[in-house]
Amino acid sequence: MGRLADRTRQAARQVSWYFSTLMGDNHYRRYVEHRARTHPGEPVLSEREYWQMRHRGADANPGARCC
């Protein structure tokens, strides 16, 4: 029974990770990690500034989105 519970928890974590990634919940965290890795010591946008930049970019270059 413990093995089934472990597999269920693992599946739930994977589904949670997928939906978080799909919805963009981890985009800012990934941006901060990228900046720290590739531009150490340089300023990092606040989360609010980051999302404003992302939305301005999406509005300026809509690409292939549906709406």
PDB file of N, CA and C in Angstrom:
ATOM      1  N   MET A   1       0.826  -1.199   0.000  1.00  0.00           N
ATOM      2  CA  MET A   1       0.000   0.000   0.000  1.00  0.00           C
ATOM      3  C   MET A   1       0.863   1.253   0.000  1.00  0.00           C
ATOM      4  N   GLY A   2       2.000   1.249   0.653  1.00  0.00           N
ATOM      5  CA  GLY A   2       2.883   2.410   0.701  1.00  0.00           C
ATOM      6  C   GLY A   2       3.428   2.769  -0.671  1.00  0.00           C
ATOM      7  N   ARG A   3       3.696   1.752  -1.467  1.00  0.00           N
ATOM      8  CA  ARG A   3       4.236   2.004  -2.804  1.00  0.00           C
ATOM      9  C   ARG A   3       3.212   2.715  -3.682  1.00  0.00           C
ATOM     10  N   LEU A   4       1.955   2.338  -3.572  1.00  0.00           N
ATOM     11  CA  LEU A   4       0.886   2.986  -4.323  1.00  0.00           C
ATOM     12  C   LEU A   4       0.753   4.448  -3.901  1.00  0.00           C
ATOM     13  N   ALA A   5       0.848   4.701  -2.610  1.00  0.00           N
ATOM     14  CA  ALA A   5       0.762   6.076  -2.105  1.00  0.00           C
ATOM     15  C   ALA A   5       1.932   6.907  -2.622  1.00  0.00           C
ATOM     16  N   ASP A   6       3.134   6.333  -2.641  1.00  0.00           N
ATOM     17  CA  ASP A   6       4.302   7.044  -3.164  1.00  0.00           C
ATOM     18  C   ASP A   6       4.126   7.387  -4.632  1.00  0.00           C
ATOM     19  N   ARG A   7       3.632   6.430  -5.401  1.00  0.00           N
ATOM     20  CA  ARG A   7       3.422   6.664  -6.835  1.00  0.00           C
ATOM     21  C   ARG A   7       2.334   7.709  -7.071  1.00  0.00           C
ATOM     22  N   THR A   8       1.320   7.701  -6.236  1.00  0.00           N
ATOM     23  CA  THR A   8       0.245   8.689  -6.352  1.00  0.00           C
ATOM     24  C   THR A   8       0.774  10.087  -6.040  1.00  0.00           C
ATOM     25  N   ARG A   9       1.586  10.211  -4.979  1.00  0.00           N
ATOM     26  CA  ARG A   9       2.174  11.512  -4.638  1.00  0.00           C
ATOM     27  C   ARG A   9       3.091  12.001  -5.747  1.00  0.00           C
ATOM     28  N   GLN A  10       3.881  11.104  -6.307  1.00  0.00           N
ATOM     29  CA  GLN A  10       4.780  11.474  -7.396  1.00  0.00           C
ATOM     30  C   GLN A  10       3.981  11.950  -8.611  1.00  0.00           C
ATOM     31  N   ALA A  11       2.924  11.256  -8.944  1.00  0.00           N
ATOM     32  CA  ALA A  11       2.074  11.654 -10.078  1.00  0.00           C
ATOM     33  C   ALA A  11       1.443  13.017  -9.810  1.00  0.00           C
ATOM     34  N   ALA A  12       0.996  13.250  -8.585  1.00  0.00           N
ATOM     35  CA  ALA A  12       0.389  14.536  -8.233  1.00  0.00           C
ATOM     36  C   ALA A  12       1.409  15.668  -8.357  1.00  0.00           C
ATOM     37  N   ARG A  13       2.663  15.426  -7.925  1.00  0.00           N
ATOM     38  CA  ARG A  13       3.717  16.442  -8.059  1.00  0.00           C
ATOM     39  C   ARG A  13       3.988  16.743  -9.518  1.00  0.00           C
ATOM     40  N   GLN A  14       4.007  15.724 -10.358  1.00  0.00           N
ATOM     41  CA  GLN A  14       4.271  15.924 -11.777  1.00  0.00           C
ATOM     42  C   GLN A  14       3.143  16.708 -12.443  1.00  0.00           C
ATOM     43  N   VAL A  15       1.919  16.396 -12.104  1.00  0.00           N
ATOM     44  CA  VAL A  15       0.777  17.127 -12.662  1.00  0.00           C
ATOM     45  C   VAL A  15       0.818  18.579 -12.185  1.00  0.00           C
ATOM     46  N   SER A  16       1.122  18.780 -10.922  1.00  0.00           N
ATOM     47  CA  SER A  16       1.232  20.133 -10.381  1.00  0.00           C
ATOM     48  C   SER A  16       2.323  20.920 -11.100  1.00  0.00           C
ATOM     49  N   TRP A  17       3.487  20.299 -11.294  1.00  0.00           N
ATOM     50  CA  TRP A  17       4.583  20.952 -12.013  1.00  0.00           C
ATOM     51  C   TRP A  17       4.148  21.324 -13.428  1.00  0.00           C
ATOM     52  N   TYR A  18       3.465  20.426 -14.111  1.00  0.00           N
ATOM     53  CA  TYR A  18       3.025  20.669 -15.481  1.00  0.00           C
ATOM     54  C   TYR A  18       2.102  21.876 -15.548  1.00  0.00           C
ATOM     55  N   PHE A  19       1.089  21.913 -14.682  1.00  0.00           N
ATOM     56  CA  PHE A  19       0.150  23.029 -14.725  1.00  0.00           C
ATOM     57  C   PHE A  19       0.795  24.331 -14.283  1.00  0.00           C
ATOM     58  N   SER A  20       1.709  24.299 -13.323  1.00  0.00           N
ATOM     59  CA  SER A  20       2.424  25.512 -12.924  1.00  0.00           C
ATOM     60  C   SER A  20       3.236  26.053 -14.086  1.00  0.00           C
ATOM     61  N   THR A  21       3.903  25.167 -14.806  1.00  0.00           N
ATOM     62  CA  THR A  21       4.686  25.579 -15.963  1.00  0.00           C
ATOM     63  C   THR A  21       3.776  26.115 -17.056  1.00  0.00           C
ATOM     64  N   LEU A  22       2.700  25.437 -17.308  1.00  0.00           N
ATOM     65  CA  LEU A  22       1.754  25.843 -18.346  1.00  0.00           C
ATOM     66  C   LEU A  22       1.171  27.221 -18.053  1.00  0.00           C
ATOM     67  N   MET A  23       0.859  27.491 -16.806  1.00  0.00           N
ATOM     68  CA  MET A  23       0.243  28.755 -16.432  1.00  0.00           C
ATOM     69  C   MET A  23       1.262  29.865 -16.199  1.00  0.00           C
ATOM     70  N   GLY A  24       2.543  29.550 -16.202  1.00  0.00           N
ATOM     71  CA  GLY A  24       3.567  30.579 -16.051  1.00  0.00           C
ATOM     72  C   GLY A  24       3.953  30.888 -14.619  1.00  0.00           C
ATOM     73  N   ASP A  25       3.534  30.032 -13.693  1.00  0.00           N
ATOM     74  CA  ASP A  25       3.819  30.296 -12.284  1.00  0.00           C
ATOM     75  C   ASP A  25       5.311  30.321 -11.966  1.00  0.00           C
ATOM     76  N   ASN A  26       6.123  29.633 -12.756  1.00  0.00           N
ATOM     77  CA  ASN A  26       7.549  29.578 -12.442  1.00  0.00           C
ATOM     78  C   ASN A  26       8.396  30.445 -13.378  1.00  0.00           C
ATOM     79  N   HIS A  27       7.772  31.240 -14.231  1.00  0.00           N
ATOM     80  CA  HIS A  27       8.544  32.055 -15.175  1.00  0.00           C
ATOM     81  C   HIS A  27       9.451  33.057 -14.471  1.00  0.00           C
ATOM     82  N   TYR A  28       8.922  33.760 -13.483  1.00  0.00           N
ATOM     83  CA  TYR A  28       9.731  34.760 -12.797  1.00  0.00           C
ATOM     84  C   TYR A  28      10.901  34.100 -12.069  1.00  0.00           C
ATOM     85  N   ARG A  29      10.655  32.975 -11.411  1.00  0.00           N
ATOM     86  CA  ARG A  29      11.738  32.268 -10.715  1.00  0.00           C
ATOM     87  C   ARG A  29      12.828  31.874 -11.701  1.00  0.00           C
ATOM     88  N   ARG A  30      12.434  31.378 -12.876  1.00  0.00           N
ATOM     89  CA  ARG A  30      13.408  30.991 -13.893  1.00  0.00           C
ATOM     90  C   ARG A  30      14.174  32.209 -14.409  1.00  0.00           C
ATOM     91  N   TYR A  31      13.488  33.348 -14.540  1.00  0.00           N
ATOM     92  CA  TYR A  31      14.151  34.590 -14.959  1.00  0.00           C
ATOM     93  C   TYR A  31      15.222  34.995 -13.938  1.00  0.00           C
ATOM     94  N   VAL A  32      14.867  34.971 -12.665  1.00  0.00           N
ATOM     95  CA  VAL A  32      15.820  35.350 -11.609  1.00  0.00           C
ATOM     96  C   VAL A  32      17.025  34.411 -11.619  1.00  0.00           C
ATOM     97  N   GLU A  33      16.786  33.100 -11.759  1.00  0.00           N
ATOM     98  CA  GLU A  33      17.885  32.138 -11.814  1.00  0.00           C
ATOM     99  C   GLU A  33      18.777  32.393 -13.027  1.00  0.00           C
ATOM    100  N   HIS A  34      18.171  32.695 -14.163  1.00  0.00           N
ATOM    101  CA  HIS A  34      18.938  32.988 -15.382  1.00  0.00           C
ATOM    102  C   HIS A  34      19.794  34.225 -15.189  1.00  0.00           C
ATOM    103  N   ARG A  35      19.219  35.289 -14.634  1.00  0.00           N
ATOM    104  CA  ARG A  35      19.976  36.533 -14.424  1.00  0.00           C
ATOM    105  C   ARG A  35      21.155  36.295 -13.477  1.00  0.00           C
ATOM    106  N   ALA A  36      20.924  35.542 -12.420  1.00  0.00           N
ATOM    107  CA  ALA A  36      21.999  35.271 -11.460  1.00  0.00           C
ATOM    108  C   ALA A  36      23.118  34.462 -12.108  1.00  0.00           C
ATOM    109  N   ARG A  37      22.747  33.540 -12.990  1.00  0.00           N
ATOM    110  CA  ARG A  37      23.724  32.676 -13.641  1.00  0.00           C
ATOM    111  C   ARG A  37      24.491  33.403 -14.751  1.00  0.00           C
ATOM    112  N   THR A  38      23.797  34.188 -15.561  1.00  0.00           N
ATOM    113  CA  THR A  38      24.428  34.781 -16.743  1.00  0.00           C
ATOM    114  C   THR A  38      24.834  36.233 -16.567  1.00  0.00           C
ATOM    115  N   HIS A  39      24.262  36.932 -15.599  1.00  0.00           N
ATOM    116  CA  HIS A  39      24.574  38.338 -15.366  1.00  0.00           C
ATOM    117  C   HIS A  39      24.737  38.608 -13.867  1.00  0.00           C
ATOM    118  N   PRO A  40      25.670  37.924 -13.217  1.00  0.00           N
ATOM    119  CA  PRO A  40      25.810  38.098 -11.758  1.00  0.00           C
ATOM    120  C   PRO A  40      26.156  39.548 -11.408  1.00  0.00           C
ATOM    121  N   GLY A  41      25.550  40.027 -10.346  1.00  0.00           N
ATOM    122  CA  GLY A  41      25.829  41.372  -9.876  1.00  0.00           C
ATOM    123  C   GLY A  41      25.005  42.451 -10.550  1.00  0.00           C
ATOM    124  N   GLU A  42      24.312  42.137 -11.625  1.00  0.00           N
ATOM    125  CA  GLU A  42      23.475  43.131 -12.284  1.00  0.00           C
ATOM    126  C   GLU A  42      22.089  43.138 -11.638  1.00  0.00           C
ATOM    127  N   PRO A  43      21.399  44.273 -11.727  1.00  0.00           N
ATOM    128  CA  PRO A  43      20.076  44.344 -11.106  1.00  0.00           C
ATOM    129  C   PRO A  43      19.078  43.391 -11.762  1.00  0.00           C
ATOM    130  N   VAL A  44      18.114  42.963 -10.975  1.00  0.00           N
ATOM    131  CA  VAL A  44      17.063  42.056 -11.429  1.00  0.00           C
ATOM    132  C   VAL A  44      15.736  42.805 -11.303  1.00  0.00           C
ATOM    133  N   LEU A  45      14.882  42.677 -12.305  1.00  0.00           N
ATOM    134  CA  LEU A  45      13.570  43.306 -12.246  1.00  0.00           C
ATOM    135  C   LEU A  45      12.760  42.730 -11.095  1.00  0.00           C
ATOM    136  N   SER A  46      11.906  43.568 -10.520  1.00  0.00           N
ATOM    137  CA  SER A  46      10.960  43.041  -9.526  1.00  0.00           C
ATOM    138  C   SER A  46       9.978  42.144 -10.272  1.00  0.00           C
ATOM    139  N   GLU A  47       9.224  41.348  -9.536  1.00  0.00           N
ATOM    140  CA  GLU A  47       8.268  40.469 -10.201  1.00  0.00           C
ATOM    141  C   GLU A  47       7.235  41.283 -10.973  1.00  0.00           C
ATOM    142  N   ARG A  48       6.805  42.377 -10.409  1.00  0.00           N
ATOM    143  CA  ARG A  48       5.838  43.248 -11.098  1.00  0.00           C
ATOM    144  C   ARG A  48       6.429  43.799 -12.391  1.00  0.00           C
ATOM    145  N   GLU A  49       7.664  44.304 -12.326  1.00  0.00           N
ATOM    146  CA  GLU A  49       8.321  44.830 -13.530  1.00  0.00           C
ATOM    147  C   GLU A  49       8.513  43.738 -14.580  1.00  0.00           C
ATOM    148  N   TYR A  50       8.856  42.539 -14.119  1.00  0.00           N
ATOM    149  CA  TYR A  50       9.050  41.422 -15.038  1.00  0.00           C
ATOM    150  C   TYR A  50       7.773  41.134 -15.828  1.00  0.00           C
ATOM    151  N   TRP A  51       6.644  41.037 -15.117  1.00  0.00           N
ATOM    152  CA  TRP A  51       5.386  40.719 -15.808  1.00  0.00           C
ATOM    153  C   TRP A  51       4.943  41.857 -16.709  1.00  0.00           C
ATOM    154  N   GLN A  52       5.204  43.096 -16.309  1.00  0.00           N
ATOM    155  CA  GLN A  52       4.887  44.223 -17.190  1.00  0.00           C
ATOM    156  C   GLN A  52       5.691  44.127 -18.481  1.00  0.00           C
ATOM    157  N   MET A  53       6.978  43.798 -18.371  1.00  0.00           N
ATOM    158  CA  MET A  53       7.832  43.637 -19.540  1.00  0.00           C
ATOM    159  C   MET A  53       7.310  42.501 -20.423  1.00  0.00           C
ATOM    160  N   ARG A  54       6.947  41.390 -19.821  1.00  0.00           N
ATOM    161  CA  ARG A  54       6.438  40.246 -20.589  1.00  0.00           C
ATOM    162  C   ARG A  54       5.165  40.610 -21.346  1.00  0.00           C
ATOM    163  N   HIS A  55       4.259  41.307 -20.678  1.00  0.00           N
ATOM    164  CA  HIS A  55       2.992  41.669 -21.319  1.00  0.00           C
ATOM    165  C   HIS A  55       3.192  42.706 -22.417  1.00  0.00           C
ATOM    166  N   ARG A  56       4.080  43.672 -22.196  1.00  0.00           N
ATOM    167  CA  ARG A  56       4.386  44.645 -23.259  1.00  0.00           C
ATOM    168  C   ARG A  56       4.962  43.931 -24.476  1.00  0.00           C
ATOM    169  N   GLY A  57       5.863  42.996 -24.235  1.00  0.00           N
ATOM    170  CA  GLY A  57       6.461  42.238 -25.331  1.00  0.00           C
ATOM    171  C   GLY A  57       5.438  41.416 -26.089  1.00  0.00           C
ATOM    172  N   ALA A  58       4.525  40.787 -25.371  1.00  0.00           N
ATOM    173  CA  ALA A  58       3.481  39.980 -26.013  1.00  0.00           C
ATOM    174  C   ALA A  58       2.538  40.858 -26.821  1.00  0.00           C
ATOM    175  N   ASP A  59       2.238  42.045 -26.312  1.00  0.00           N
ATOM    176  CA  ASP A  59       1.343  42.949 -27.040  1.00  0.00           C
ATOM    177  C   ASP A  59       2.024  43.512 -28.279  1.00  0.00           C
ATOM    178  N   ALA A  60       3.326  43.789 -28.197  1.00  0.00           N
ATOM    179  CA  ALA A  60       4.057  44.345 -29.330  1.00  0.00           C
ATOM    180  C   ALA A  60       4.308  43.310 -30.407  1.00  0.00           C
ATOM    181  N   ASN A  61       4.480  42.047 -30.032  1.00  0.00           N
ATOM    182  CA  ASN A  61       4.766  40.967 -30.969  1.00  0.00           C
ATOM    183  C   ASN A  61       3.817  39.803 -30.696  1.00  0.00           C
ATOM    184  N   PRO A  62       2.568  39.892 -31.171  1.00  0.00           N
ATOM    185  CA  PRO A  62       1.585  38.866 -30.813  1.00  0.00           C
ATOM    186  C   PRO A  62       1.896  37.474 -31.343  1.00  0.00           C
ATOM    187  N   GLY A  63       2.636  37.351 -32.397  1.00  0.00           N
ATOM    188  CA  GLY A  63       3.000  36.023 -32.902  1.00  0.00           C
ATOM    189  C   GLY A  63       1.788  35.203 -33.281  1.00  0.00           C
ATOM    190  N   ALA A  64       1.777  33.965 -32.875  1.00  0.00           N
ATOM    191  CA  ALA A  64       0.743  33.024 -33.309  1.00  0.00           C
ATOM    192  C   ALA A  64      -0.285  32.738 -32.223  1.00  0.00           C
ATOM    193  N   ARG A  65      -0.490  33.635 -31.305  1.00  0.00           N
ATOM    194  CA  ARG A  65      -1.481  33.332 -30.282  1.00  0.00           C
ATOM    195  C   ARG A  65      -2.888  33.533 -30.830  1.00  0.00           C
ATOM    196  N   CYS A  66      -3.831  32.941 -30.206  1.00  0.00           N
ATOM    197  CA  CYS A  66      -5.189  32.898 -30.762  1.00  0.00           C
ATOM    198  C   CYS A  66      -6.020  34.140 -30.441  1.00  0.00           C
ATOM    199  N   CYS A  67      -5.709  34.846 -29.361  1.00  0.00           N
ATOM    200  CA  CYS A  67      -6.590  35.947 -28.942  1.00  0.00           C
ATOM    201  C   CYS A  67      -5.895  37.288 -28.944  1.00  0.00           C
TER     202      CYS A  67
END
